Amino acid sequence: MRLTVDAIQARLAREATQAAIAQDDEQTGRTTVIVHSAPTKAFTIGQARRVVQVHRSCDRTLCPRKMAAINVLVAAGVMRLDRRVGY
């Protein structure tokens, strides 16, 4: 498949938009695109609550972002892990 200049520019624009959205999500705590990577800075309690909600279907042992959010909530005393279910 041969790429055209227009196709390459469109792809670069999409990637830049996705990067900007991810950066905005990181700063605001809102999630537009679900990012599973570990955060670059610690979440606030409000951000951590939102991340746990957005990542509710993620296994916390496989999703570094959910794990980071849970760690913030546990450290703040907002959440307790249930040892009976393997936490």
N, C-alpha and C. Protein backbone atom coordinates (compact mmCIF):
# COMPACT_ATOMS: atom_id res chain seq x y z
N MET A 1 0.84 -1.17 0.00
CA MET A 1 0.00 0.00 0.00
C MET A 1 0.89 1.24 0.00
N ARG A 2 0.59 2.14 -0.86
CA ARG A 2 1.38 3.34 -0.99
C ARG A 2 0.70 4.49 -0.23
N LEU A 3 1.46 5.12 0.63
CA LEU A 3 0.92 6.22 1.41
C LEU A 3 1.08 7.54 0.67
N THR A 4 0.05 8.34 0.77
CA THR A 4 0.13 9.67 0.18
C THR A 4 0.52 10.68 1.26
N VAL A 5 0.93 11.84 0.84
CA VAL A 5 1.27 12.90 1.78
C VAL A 5 0.06 13.24 2.63
N ASP A 6 -1.11 13.31 2.02
CA ASP A 6 -2.33 13.62 2.75
C ASP A 6 -2.63 12.57 3.82
N ALA A 7 -2.43 11.30 3.48
CA ALA A 7 -2.69 10.23 4.44
C ALA A 7 -1.72 10.30 5.61
N ILE A 8 -0.47 10.60 5.33
CA ILE A 8 0.53 10.72 6.40
C ILE A 8 0.22 11.92 7.29
N GLN A 9 -0.14 13.05 6.70
CA GLN A 9 -0.48 14.23 7.49
C GLN A 9 -1.71 13.99 8.35
N ALA A 10 -2.69 13.28 7.80
CA ALA A 10 -3.90 12.98 8.56
C ALA A 10 -3.56 12.08 9.75
N ARG A 11 -2.70 11.09 9.53
CA ARG A 11 -2.30 10.19 10.62
C ARG A 11 -1.55 10.95 11.70
N LEU A 12 -0.64 11.83 11.31
CA LEU A 12 0.11 12.62 12.27
C LEU A 12 -0.81 13.54 13.08
N ALA A 13 -1.81 14.11 12.42
CA ALA A 13 -2.77 14.97 13.11
C ALA A 13 -3.58 14.16 14.12
N ARG A 14 -4.00 12.95 13.75
CA ARG A 14 -4.75 12.08 14.68
C ARG A 14 -3.90 11.73 15.89
N GLU A 15 -2.63 11.37 15.64
CA GLU A 15 -1.75 11.00 16.74
C GLU A 15 -1.50 12.19 17.67
N ALA A 16 -1.34 13.38 17.11
CA ALA A 16 -1.13 14.58 17.93
C ALA A 16 -2.37 14.88 18.76
N THR A 17 -3.53 14.69 18.17
CA THR A 17 -4.78 14.91 18.90
C THR A 17 -4.91 13.92 20.05
N GLN A 18 -4.62 12.65 19.79
CA GLN A 18 -4.70 11.64 20.84
C GLN A 18 -3.71 11.94 21.97
N ALA A 19 -2.51 12.39 21.61
CA ALA A 19 -1.51 12.73 22.63
C ALA A 19 -1.98 13.93 23.46
N ALA A 20 -2.59 14.91 22.81
CA ALA A 20 -3.08 16.09 23.52
C ALA A 20 -4.22 15.71 24.46
N ILE A 21 -5.10 14.83 24.02
CA ILE A 21 -6.21 14.37 24.87
C ILE A 21 -5.66 13.62 26.08
N ALA A 22 -4.70 12.74 25.85
CA ALA A 22 -4.12 11.97 26.95
C ALA A 22 -3.44 12.90 27.95
N GLN A 23 -2.73 13.92 27.47
CA GLN A 23 -2.07 14.87 28.35
C GLN A 23 -3.10 15.67 29.15
N ASP A 24 -4.16 16.09 28.50
CA ASP A 24 -5.22 16.82 29.18
C ASP A 24 -5.87 15.94 30.25
N ASP A 25 -6.10 14.68 29.92
CA ASP A 25 -6.67 13.75 30.88
C ASP A 25 -5.77 13.60 32.10
N GLU A 26 -4.47 13.55 31.85
CA GLU A 26 -3.51 13.39 32.93
C GLU A 26 -3.57 14.59 33.88
N GLN A 27 -3.73 15.77 33.34
CA GLN A 27 -3.73 16.99 34.15
C GLN A 27 -5.07 17.24 34.84
N THR A 28 -6.16 16.88 34.21
CA THR A 28 -7.48 17.19 34.76
C THR A 28 -8.10 16.03 35.53
N GLY A 29 -7.66 14.81 35.25
CA GLY A 29 -8.27 13.65 35.88
C GLY A 29 -9.48 13.13 35.13
N ARG A 30 -9.93 13.89 34.12
CA ARG A 30 -11.03 13.40 33.29
C ARG A 30 -10.46 12.41 32.30
N THR A 31 -11.28 11.50 31.87
CA THR A 31 -10.80 10.50 30.93
C THR A 31 -11.65 10.53 29.68
N THR A 32 -11.02 10.83 28.57
CA THR A 32 -11.67 10.79 27.27
C THR A 32 -11.26 9.51 26.56
N VAL A 33 -9.98 9.23 26.59
CA VAL A 33 -9.42 8.01 26.02
C VAL A 33 -8.94 7.19 27.21
N ILE A 34 -9.30 5.94 27.28
CA ILE A 34 -8.87 5.13 28.41
C ILE A 34 -7.41 4.76 28.23
N VAL A 35 -6.60 5.29 29.13
CA VAL A 35 -5.16 5.05 29.13
C VAL A 35 -4.87 4.13 30.30
N HIS A 36 -4.14 3.06 30.06
CA HIS A 36 -3.87 2.08 31.11
C HIS A 36 -2.47 2.22 31.71
N SER A 37 -1.66 3.10 31.17
CA SER A 37 -0.30 3.25 31.68
C SER A 37 -0.30 3.94 33.04
N ALA A 38 0.77 3.75 33.77
CA ALA A 38 0.90 4.39 35.08
C ALA A 38 0.96 5.91 34.90
N PRO A 39 0.40 6.65 35.85
CA PRO A 39 0.43 8.12 35.73
C PRO A 39 1.84 8.65 35.94
N THR A 40 2.11 9.84 35.40
CA THR A 40 3.42 10.44 35.56
C THR A 40 3.55 11.15 36.91
N LYS A 41 2.43 11.50 37.53
CA LYS A 41 2.44 12.10 38.86
C LYS A 41 1.28 11.52 39.65
N ALA A 42 1.36 11.62 40.96
CA ALA A 42 0.34 11.03 41.82
C ALA A 42 -1.03 11.67 41.58
N PHE A 43 -2.06 10.84 41.62
CA PHE A 43 -3.43 11.34 41.49
C PHE A 43 -3.85 12.05 42.76
N THR A 44 -4.77 13.00 42.61
CA THR A 44 -5.47 13.53 43.77
C THR A 44 -6.54 12.50 44.13
N ILE A 45 -7.17 12.67 45.26
CA ILE A 45 -8.22 11.72 45.65
C ILE A 45 -9.36 11.75 44.64
N GLY A 46 -9.76 12.93 44.19
CA GLY A 46 -10.83 13.03 43.19
C GLY A 46 -10.46 12.35 41.88
N GLN A 47 -9.24 12.55 41.44
CA GLN A 47 -8.79 11.90 40.21
C GLN A 47 -8.75 10.39 40.39
N ALA A 48 -8.27 9.95 41.54
CA ALA A 48 -8.18 8.50 41.80
C ALA A 48 -9.57 7.86 41.79
N ARG A 49 -10.53 8.53 42.38
CA ARG A 49 -11.90 8.00 42.37
C ARG A 49 -12.42 7.85 40.94
N ARG A 50 -12.17 8.86 40.13
CA ARG A 50 -12.63 8.84 38.73
C ARG A 50 -11.93 7.72 37.97
N VAL A 51 -10.64 7.55 38.17
CA VAL A 51 -9.89 6.51 37.46
C VAL A 51 -10.44 5.13 37.83
N VAL A 52 -10.70 4.91 39.11
CA VAL A 52 -11.24 3.61 39.53
C VAL A 52 -12.60 3.36 38.87
N GLN A 53 -13.41 4.38 38.74
CA GLN A 53 -14.71 4.23 38.08
C GLN A 53 -14.54 3.89 36.60
N VAL A 54 -13.66 4.63 35.94
CA VAL A 54 -13.46 4.41 34.50
C VAL A 54 -12.86 3.04 34.24
N HIS A 55 -11.99 2.59 35.12
CA HIS A 55 -11.28 1.32 34.95
C HIS A 55 -11.93 0.18 35.74
N ARG A 56 -13.22 0.30 36.03
CA ARG A 56 -13.88 -0.70 36.86
C ARG A 56 -13.80 -2.11 36.28
N SER A 57 -13.70 -2.25 34.96
CA SER A 57 -13.62 -3.58 34.37
C SER A 57 -12.19 -4.10 34.28
N CYS A 58 -11.22 -3.27 34.61
CA CYS A 58 -9.81 -3.68 34.55
C CYS A 58 -9.43 -4.48 35.79
N ASP A 59 -8.58 -5.46 35.59
CA ASP A 59 -7.98 -6.18 36.71
C ASP A 59 -6.89 -5.28 37.28
N ARG A 60 -6.95 -4.98 38.56
CA ARG A 60 -6.00 -4.03 39.13
C ARG A 60 -4.56 -4.52 39.05
N THR A 61 -4.35 -5.83 38.97
CA THR A 61 -2.99 -6.35 38.87
C THR A 61 -2.43 -6.22 37.46
N LEU A 62 -3.29 -5.97 36.48
CA LEU A 62 -2.85 -5.84 35.10
C LEU A 62 -2.90 -4.41 34.58
N CYS A 63 -3.54 -3.51 35.32
CA CYS A 63 -3.71 -2.13 34.88
C CYS A 63 -2.96 -1.20 35.85
N PRO A 64 -1.78 -0.74 35.46
CA PRO A 64 -0.99 0.12 36.35
C PRO A 64 -1.72 1.40 36.77
N ARG A 65 -2.58 1.91 35.92
CA ARG A 65 -3.29 3.15 36.23
C ARG A 65 -4.31 2.91 37.35
N LYS A 66 -5.05 1.80 37.25
CA LYS A 66 -6.02 1.48 38.29
C LYS A 66 -5.30 1.18 39.61
N MET A 67 -4.17 0.49 39.53
CA MET A 67 -3.40 0.18 40.73
C MET A 67 -2.92 1.46 41.41
N ALA A 68 -2.44 2.42 40.62
CA ALA A 68 -1.97 3.70 41.19
C ALA A 68 -3.13 4.43 41.86
N ALA A 69 -4.29 4.42 41.24
CA ALA A 69 -5.46 5.08 41.82
C ALA A 69 -5.89 4.41 43.12
N ILE A 70 -5.91 3.10 43.12
CA ILE A 70 -6.28 2.36 44.33
C ILE A 70 -5.29 2.64 45.45
N ASN A 71 -4.01 2.68 45.12
CA ASN A 71 -2.99 2.97 46.14
C ASN A 71 -3.21 4.33 46.79
N VAL A 72 -3.60 5.33 45.99
CA VAL A 72 -3.88 6.66 46.53
C VAL A 72 -5.07 6.60 47.47
N LEU A 73 -6.13 5.91 47.07
CA LEU A 73 -7.34 5.83 47.89
C LEU A 73 -7.11 5.06 49.18
N VAL A 74 -6.33 4.00 49.11
CA VAL A 74 -6.01 3.21 50.31
C VAL A 74 -5.16 4.04 51.26
N ALA A 75 -4.15 4.73 50.71
CA ALA A 75 -3.27 5.55 51.55
C ALA A 75 -4.04 6.68 52.24
N ALA A 76 -5.06 7.20 51.57
CA ALA A 76 -5.86 8.28 52.14
C ALA A 76 -6.93 7.77 53.11
N GLY A 77 -7.08 6.46 53.20
CA GLY A 77 -8.09 5.88 54.09
C GLY A 77 -9.49 5.91 53.52
N VAL A 78 -9.61 6.20 52.23
CA VAL A 78 -10.92 6.28 51.57
C VAL A 78 -11.40 4.89 51.17
N MET A 79 -10.46 3.98 50.95
CA MET A 79 -10.80 2.64 50.47
C MET A 79 -10.02 1.62 51.30
N ARG A 80 -10.66 0.51 51.56
CA ARG A 80 -9.98 -0.62 52.19
C ARG A 80 -10.08 -1.80 51.24
N LEU A 81 -8.99 -2.54 51.12
CA LEU A 81 -8.99 -3.71 50.25
C LEU A 81 -9.51 -4.91 51.02
N ASP A 82 -10.32 -5.71 50.35
CA ASP A 82 -10.93 -6.88 50.95
C ASP A 82 -9.99 -8.07 50.75
N ARG A 83 -9.35 -8.50 51.79
CA ARG A 83 -8.38 -9.62 51.72
C ARG A 83 -9.06 -10.93 51.34
N ARG A 84 -10.36 -11.03 51.57
CA ARG A 84 -11.07 -12.29 51.27
C ARG A 84 -11.16 -12.56 49.78
N VAL A 85 -11.10 -11.50 48.96
CA VAL A 85 -11.22 -11.70 47.52
C VAL A 85 -9.88 -11.53 46.80
N GLY A 86 -8.81 -11.62 47.54
CA GLY A 86 -7.50 -11.63 46.92
C GLY A 86 -6.83 -10.27 46.80
N TYR A 87 -7.40 -9.25 47.40
CA TYR A 87 -6.73 -7.95 47.38
C TYR A 87 -5.72 -7.96 48.47
